[in-house]
Amino acid sequence: MDSVDDYDVYHTYDYHQIAKESSDSAVLIKYEQDGVLIGLPLLIRKISGSAYFDATSVYGYSGPISNRIPLNFNPIDFQKRLRRFFIENNIISVFVRLHPFLPFQNIILYGFGDLSYLGRVVNINLTLSLEKQRRHYQRRLKTYVNKAKRLLKLKYAQTDEDHQIFKSLYYQNMDRLNAKSIYYFDDEYFKNLRSAKDFKTEILLAAEEASGEVIAGAMFIKTKSTVQYHLSGSSNEHLHLNGTKFLIDQMRIKAHQEGYFNFNLGGGLGADENNSLFKFKSSFSDEFHPFFVWKLITRKGAYKNICKRNNITNTDSDFFPLYRLKEHV
């Protein structure tokens, strides 16, 4: 990782070990030519009942990393070698969520498979002064944050009790959203994030000033120049106190003082901008970055046969790879 210009938590070894299933293999594909270095981290998954595999990025914002990509870079040789790697290893499809702050990724992958624009993510530009950052807050958000500062106090999660409180608040959030079981992460997941060496995980808690009760928590991950808003949760009885808004504002100030460049709040649910999650995030900033995914099929015949075997006939679906559609439902 020290050989590339920039990377994020979703490119690291530690995060791949945390995110992968026990049957997955985490790999980092490395390409070097004429002073250009490209790395592509992936999870390789077995396709049940077949001799084939597919590859995917971890959930988040991943894709290629590089030391330097000139504007006139010709990606053909890289793409040929990458395709050969996939074919030689019986990998019939690849799905990667690209990173919105690494625009050279589109240069590397241009014309190779399908690059699909899904929407925008919201970023707070931490290189601006704190005053200029706050000017981009929507008026109502400023009111909420000002009120929260009077009623809440900041606390850092340090003890086992703090961490359990955060998990409980996060679970309450998932309950309200009727989230799938995969989003109810276990104790080991949280512990591994906190103990990782490749990035720094911080959990901020909001406690009621009057009672001292913790009413909200948020987990942030810091890597290189970027802070990621990862997970959060609020008490059902204290939603009116706007604890999550308070914590994002507090991390914004802290991360700016520590010299980070970007504070990625992410996008809407399923990359949809017409939902409450995106509206919530975009109340903090009007700086948006495009979010793309990359899809590649290396063996179309095998891909179609597995779709047919799995009784997948809904060719209008955007889900990829299509043969895993029923696993996703």
Protein backbone atom coordinates (compact mmCIF):
# COMPACT_ATOMS: atom_id res chain seq x y z
CA MET A 1 0.00 0.00 0.00
CA ASP A 2 2.91 2.35 0.61
CA SER A 3 3.72 2.18 -3.12
CA VAL A 4 0.46 3.79 -4.28
CA ASP A 5 -0.62 7.43 -4.18
CA ASP A 6 -3.83 6.99 -2.26
CA TYR A 7 -6.08 4.27 -0.91
CA ASP A 8 -8.95 3.86 1.52
CA VAL A 9 -10.08 1.42 4.19
CA TYR A 10 -11.84 -0.69 1.56
CA HIS A 11 -8.53 -1.45 -0.17
CA THR A 12 -6.70 -2.73 2.91
CA TYR A 13 -5.75 -6.27 3.88
CA ASP A 14 -7.35 -5.95 7.31
CA TYR A 15 -10.71 -4.85 5.96
CA HIS A 16 -10.78 -7.69 3.44
CA GLN A 17 -10.10 -10.19 6.21
CA ILE A 18 -12.95 -8.70 8.24
CA ALA A 19 -15.43 -8.50 5.35
CA LYS A 20 -14.87 -11.84 3.63
CA GLU A 21 -16.89 -14.98 4.20
CA SER A 22 -14.99 -18.04 5.42
CA SER A 23 -15.18 -19.61 1.95
CA ASP A 24 -13.92 -16.47 0.15
CA SER A 25 -10.32 -15.80 -0.85
CA ALA A 26 -8.97 -12.26 -0.57
CA VAL A 27 -6.43 -11.39 -3.28
CA LEU A 28 -4.51 -8.33 -4.45
CA ILE A 29 -3.76 -8.44 -8.17
CA LYS A 30 -0.61 -6.46 -9.01
CA TYR A 31 0.38 -4.99 -12.39
CA GLU A 32 3.66 -3.16 -13.17
CA GLN A 33 4.70 -1.75 -16.53
CA ASP A 34 6.85 1.26 -17.52
CA GLY A 35 6.78 2.75 -14.05
CA VAL A 36 3.02 2.36 -13.64
CA LEU A 37 1.83 0.26 -10.70
CA ILE A 38 -1.80 -0.87 -10.43
CA GLY A 39 -3.30 -2.98 -7.66
CA LEU A 40 -6.79 -4.48 -7.62
CA PRO A 41 -8.06 -6.03 -4.36
CA LEU A 42 -10.85 -8.59 -4.77
CA LEU A 43 -12.74 -11.35 -3.02
CA ILE A 44 -12.87 -14.59 -5.01
CA ARG A 45 -16.03 -16.66 -4.44
CA LYS A 46 -16.86 -20.22 -5.47
CA ILE A 47 -20.01 -20.60 -7.56
CA SER A 48 -21.89 -23.43 -5.90
CA GLY A 49 -22.36 -26.59 -7.94
CA SER A 50 -19.87 -25.61 -10.63
CA ALA A 51 -16.16 -25.49 -11.41
CA TYR A 52 -16.31 -21.70 -11.68
CA PHE A 53 -15.70 -18.68 -9.48
CA ASP A 54 -16.61 -15.02 -9.52
CA ALA A 55 -14.93 -11.96 -8.03
CA THR A 56 -16.31 -8.99 -6.15
CA SER A 57 -15.09 -6.02 -4.18
CA VAL A 58 -15.82 -5.69 -0.48
CA TYR A 59 -18.93 -3.70 0.33
CA GLY A 60 -17.92 -0.05 0.24
CA TYR A 61 -15.78 1.89 -2.23
CA SER A 62 -12.90 -0.08 -3.68
CA GLY A 63 -11.55 -0.62 -7.21
CA PRO A 64 -8.02 -0.19 -8.60
CA ILE A 65 -5.29 1.73 -6.79
CA SER A 66 -2.18 3.12 -8.47
CA ASN A 67 1.06 5.01 -7.98
CA ARG A 68 0.53 7.32 -10.93
CA ILE A 69 -1.70 7.18 -13.98
CA PRO A 70 -0.83 9.73 -16.70
CA LEU A 71 -3.74 11.26 -18.60
CA ASN A 72 -2.54 9.55 -21.80
CA PHE A 73 -2.30 6.13 -20.12
CA ASN A 74 -3.25 3.27 -22.44
CA PRO A 75 -4.97 0.59 -20.34
CA ILE A 76 -5.07 -2.11 -23.04
CA ASP A 77 -2.10 -4.15 -21.76
CA PHE A 78 -3.39 -4.06 -18.18
CA GLN A 79 -6.86 -5.10 -19.31
CA LYS A 80 -5.53 -7.98 -21.43
CA ARG A 81 -3.45 -9.34 -18.55
CA LEU A 82 -6.32 -8.95 -16.10
CA ARG A 83 -8.73 -10.79 -18.40
CA ARG A 84 -6.15 -13.57 -18.81
CA PHE A 85 -5.88 -13.86 -15.00
CA PHE A 86 -9.63 -14.21 -14.67
CA ILE A 87 -9.94 -16.80 -17.44
CA GLU A 88 -6.99 -18.88 -16.19
CA ASN A 89 -8.56 -18.97 -12.72
CA ASN A 90 -12.07 -19.86 -13.96
CA ILE A 91 -13.49 -16.50 -12.83
CA ILE A 92 -16.48 -15.89 -15.07
CA SER A 93 -17.72 -12.54 -13.74
CA VAL A 94 -16.42 -9.56 -11.76
CA PHE A 95 -18.35 -6.89 -9.85
CA VAL A 96 -16.55 -3.92 -8.28
CA ARG A 97 -17.85 -0.83 -6.50
CA LEU A 98 -15.51 1.98 -7.49
CA HIS A 99 -14.19 4.75 -5.27
CA PRO A 100 -15.71 8.21 -5.84
CA PHE A 101 -12.47 10.02 -4.91
CA LEU A 102 -10.18 8.09 -7.29
CA PRO A 103 -11.15 9.29 -10.80
CA PHE A 104 -8.24 7.50 -12.50
CA GLN A 105 -10.14 4.23 -11.97
CA ASN A 106 -12.39 5.08 -14.91
CA ILE A 107 -9.31 5.60 -17.09
CA ILE A 108 -7.93 2.19 -16.13
CA LEU A 109 -11.21 0.36 -16.77
CA TYR A 110 -12.52 2.36 -19.74
CA GLY A 111 -13.83 0.12 -22.52
CA PHE A 112 -13.36 -3.02 -20.42
CA GLY A 113 -16.68 -4.49 -19.38
CA ASP A 114 -19.38 -2.07 -18.25
CA LEU A 115 -18.98 1.08 -16.15
CA SER A 116 -22.36 2.02 -14.68
CA TYR A 117 -23.13 5.30 -12.96
CA LEU A 118 -25.38 4.67 -9.94
CA GLY A 119 -25.62 8.09 -8.32
CA ARG A 120 -23.71 10.49 -6.12
CA VAL A 121 -22.09 10.40 -2.71
CA VAL A 122 -21.90 13.35 -0.33
CA ASN A 123 -18.51 14.67 0.77
CA ILE A 124 -17.55 17.31 3.31
CA ASN A 125 -14.42 19.03 2.03
CA LEU A 126 -12.22 19.10 5.12
CA THR A 127 -9.60 21.30 3.45
CA LEU A 128 -11.98 24.25 3.76
CA SER A 129 -12.02 26.27 6.95
CA LEU A 130 -14.52 25.11 9.57
CA GLU A 131 -16.55 28.25 8.94
CA LYS A 132 -16.74 27.62 5.18
CA GLN A 133 -17.68 23.99 5.75
CA ARG A 134 -20.55 25.05 7.98
CA ARG A 135 -21.79 27.55 5.39
CA HIS A 136 -22.70 24.58 3.22
CA TYR A 137 -25.00 23.19 5.92
CA GLN A 138 -28.68 23.56 5.17
CA ARG A 139 -30.38 26.11 7.42
CA ARG A 140 -32.52 23.58 9.27
CA LEU A 141 -29.46 21.40 9.96
CA LYS A 142 -27.69 24.36 11.58
CA THR A 143 -30.67 24.77 13.90
CA TYR A 144 -30.68 21.08 14.81
CA VAL A 145 -26.93 21.02 15.49
CA ASN A 146 -27.02 24.19 17.58
CA LYS A 147 -29.80 22.73 19.73
CA ALA A 148 -27.99 19.39 20.04
CA LYS A 149 -24.83 21.13 21.26
CA ARG A 150 -26.82 22.60 24.15
CA LEU A 151 -28.46 19.32 25.13
CA LEU A 152 -25.74 16.75 24.39
CA LYS A 153 -22.13 16.12 25.29
CA LEU A 154 -19.50 14.18 23.35
CA LYS A 155 -18.01 10.95 24.64
CA TYR A 156 -15.47 8.57 23.10
CA ALA A 157 -16.21 4.84 23.23
CA GLN A 158 -13.32 3.25 25.11
CA THR A 159 -14.66 0.53 27.41
CA ASP A 160 -16.40 -2.76 26.68
CA GLU A 161 -19.58 -1.23 28.09
CA ASP A 162 -19.30 1.70 25.65
CA HIS A 163 -18.88 -0.68 22.74
CA GLN A 164 -21.91 -2.75 23.77
CA ILE A 165 -23.99 0.43 24.09
CA PHE A 166 -22.99 1.42 20.57
CA LYS A 167 -23.90 -2.01 19.19
CA SER A 168 -27.29 -1.83 20.90
CA LEU A 169 -27.98 1.61 19.39
CA TYR A 170 -26.89 0.37 15.96
CA TYR A 171 -29.22 -2.64 16.26
CA GLN A 172 -32.10 -0.29 17.14
CA ASN A 173 -31.36 1.57 13.92
CA MET A 174 -31.45 -1.68 11.93
CA ASP A 175 -34.74 -2.66 13.59
CA ARG A 176 -36.34 0.63 12.55
CA LEU A 177 -35.19 0.05 8.96
CA ASN A 178 -36.31 -3.61 8.91
CA ALA A 179 -32.78 -4.42 7.78
CA LYS A 180 -31.67 -7.82 6.54
CA SER A 181 -29.93 -10.13 9.01
CA ILE A 182 -26.56 -9.64 7.29
CA TYR A 183 -26.43 -6.07 8.66
CA TYR A 184 -26.63 -7.23 12.28
CA PHE A 185 -22.89 -7.57 12.70
CA ASP A 186 -21.60 -9.67 15.59
CA ASP A 187 -19.19 -8.72 18.37
CA GLU A 188 -16.21 -10.10 16.46
CA TYR A 189 -16.89 -7.77 13.52
CA PHE A 190 -16.85 -4.69 15.75
CA LYS A 191 -13.82 -5.93 17.68
CA ASN A 192 -11.85 -6.60 14.50
CA LEU A 193 -12.60 -3.11 13.15
CA ARG A 194 -11.39 -1.53 16.38
CA SER A 195 -8.17 -3.58 16.50
CA ALA A 196 -7.18 -3.30 12.81
CA LYS A 197 -3.72 -1.90 12.06
CA ASP A 198 -4.32 -0.73 8.48
CA PHE A 199 -6.83 1.96 9.47
CA LYS A 200 -8.17 3.74 12.54
CA THR A 201 -11.69 3.14 13.82
CA GLU A 202 -13.29 5.66 16.16
CA ILE A 203 -16.69 5.44 17.84
CA LEU A 204 -18.20 8.69 19.07
CA LEU A 205 -21.11 8.70 21.51
CA ALA A 206 -23.64 11.41 22.29
CA ALA A 207 -24.79 11.56 25.92
CA GLU A 208 -27.68 13.60 27.24
CA GLU A 209 -26.26 16.51 29.24
CA ALA A 210 -28.91 16.30 31.95
CA SER A 211 -29.00 12.54 32.60
CA GLY A 212 -25.68 11.32 31.17
CA GLU A 213 -27.52 8.64 29.19
CA VAL A 214 -25.93 7.73 25.85
CA ILE A 215 -28.58 8.30 23.19
CA ALA A 216 -26.62 7.96 19.91
CA GLY A 217 -23.39 6.58 18.52
CA ALA A 218 -21.47 6.69 15.25
CA MET A 219 -18.50 4.74 13.92
CA PHE A 220 -15.99 6.48 11.66
CA ILE A 221 -13.00 4.95 9.86
CA LYS A 222 -9.89 6.99 9.06
CA THR A 223 -7.40 6.00 6.36
CA LYS A 224 -4.78 8.15 4.65
CA SER A 225 -6.63 11.36 3.66
CA THR A 226 -10.21 10.15 4.06
CA VAL A 227 -12.74 9.69 6.86
CA GLN A 228 -15.65 7.32 6.19
CA TYR A 229 -18.99 7.55 8.00
CA HIS A 230 -19.41 3.81 8.53
CA LEU A 231 -22.22 2.96 10.98
CA SER A 232 -24.51 4.79 13.38
CA GLY A 233 -27.48 4.32 15.66
CA SER A 234 -29.82 6.27 17.90
CA SER A 235 -32.10 5.42 20.78
CA ASN A 236 -35.73 5.10 19.72
CA GLU A 237 -36.80 7.37 22.58
CA HIS A 238 -34.34 10.16 21.76
CA LEU A 239 -34.52 10.63 18.00
CA HIS A 240 -35.75 14.19 18.53
CA LEU A 241 -32.35 15.12 20.02
CA ASN A 242 -30.59 14.60 16.63
CA GLY A 243 -27.66 12.73 18.12
CA THR A 244 -26.30 11.45 14.81
CA LYS A 245 -26.25 14.95 13.32
CA PHE A 246 -24.38 16.13 16.41
CA LEU A 247 -21.78 13.35 16.08
CA ILE A 248 -21.14 13.92 12.37
CA ASP A 249 -20.62 17.61 13.12
CA GLN A 250 -18.18 16.76 15.92
CA MET A 251 -16.20 14.37 13.71
CA ARG A 252 -16.08 17.01 10.96
CA ILE A 253 -14.37 19.42 13.35
CA LYS A 254 -12.01 16.77 14.74
CA ALA A 255 -11.02 15.39 11.32
CA HIS A 256 -10.35 18.89 9.97
CA GLN A 257 -8.07 19.61 12.91
CA GLU A 258 -6.23 16.33 12.30
CA GLY A 259 -5.54 17.22 8.66
CA TYR A 260 -7.83 14.87 6.74
CA PHE A 261 -9.03 15.98 3.29
CA ASN A 262 -12.35 14.22 2.70
CA PHE A 263 -15.24 13.17 4.94
CA ASN A 264 -17.36 10.77 2.90
CA LEU A 265 -20.93 10.48 4.15
CA GLY A 266 -21.87 8.10 1.31
CA GLY A 267 -25.01 8.09 -0.80
CA GLY A 268 -28.64 7.12 -0.52
CA LEU A 269 -30.08 3.69 0.14
CA GLY A 270 -29.21 1.59 -2.92
CA ALA A 271 -27.56 4.71 -4.42
CA ASP A 272 -31.04 6.27 -4.73
CA GLU A 273 -31.02 10.04 -4.25
CA ASN A 274 -34.79 10.24 -3.75
CA ASN A 275 -34.87 8.88 -0.23
CA SER A 276 -34.55 10.23 3.29
CA LEU A 277 -31.00 8.90 3.78
CA PHE A 278 -29.58 10.91 0.88
CA LYS A 279 -31.52 13.99 1.95
CA PHE A 280 -30.10 13.61 5.45
CA LYS A 281 -26.52 13.36 4.19
CA SER A 282 -26.82 16.14 1.63
CA SER A 283 -27.99 18.53 4.35
CA PHE A 284 -24.33 18.61 5.47
CA SER A 285 -22.74 19.47 2.13
CA ASP A 286 -23.45 20.27 -1.50
CA GLU A 287 -20.22 18.66 -2.72
CA PHE A 288 -21.05 15.48 -4.60
CA HIS A 289 -18.89 12.83 -6.26
CA PRO A 290 -20.04 10.27 -8.85
CA PHE A 291 -20.36 6.63 -7.81
CA PHE A 292 -19.73 3.95 -10.45
CA VAL A 293 -19.72 0.17 -10.44
CA TRP A 294 -17.75 -2.00 -12.84
CA LYS A 295 -19.14 -5.24 -14.26
CA LEU A 296 -17.30 -7.77 -16.40
CA ILE A 297 -18.29 -11.13 -17.85
CA THR A 298 -15.30 -13.16 -19.03
CA ARG A 299 -17.12 -16.32 -20.14
CA LYS A 300 -20.57 -15.47 -21.48
CA GLY A 301 -21.50 -19.07 -22.22
CA ALA A 302 -20.76 -20.25 -18.69
CA TYR A 303 -22.51 -17.18 -17.26
CA LYS A 304 -25.70 -17.88 -19.25
CA ASN A 305 -25.63 -21.59 -18.40
CA ILE A 306 -25.42 -20.92 -14.66
CA CYS A 307 -28.24 -18.37 -14.89
CA LYS A 308 -30.33 -21.01 -16.67
CA ARG A 309 -29.41 -23.69 -14.13
CA ASN A 310 -30.49 -21.36 -11.31
CA ASN A 311 -33.80 -20.67 -13.08
CA ILE A 312 -33.02 -16.99 -13.50
CA THR A 313 -35.08 -15.65 -16.37
CA ASN A 314 -35.50 -12.03 -15.25
CA THR A 315 -33.13 -10.48 -17.77
CA ASP A 316 -34.55 -7.01 -17.01
CA SER A 317 -32.98 -7.01 -13.56
CA ASP A 318 -29.91 -4.82 -12.98
CA PHE A 319 -28.61 -7.22 -10.34
CA PHE A 320 -25.13 -8.58 -11.07
CA PRO A 321 -24.11 -11.29 -11.35
CA LEU A 322 -27.63 -12.31 -12.27
CA TYR A 323 -27.20 -15.96 -11.26
CA ARG A 324 -26.85 -14.84 -7.60
CA LEU A 325 -30.15 -12.93 -7.65
CA LYS A 326 -32.03 -15.43 -5.49
CA GLU A 327 -29.27 -15.34 -2.86
CA HIS A 328 -29.79 -11.59 -2.60
CA VAL A 329 -33.56 -11.70 -2.06
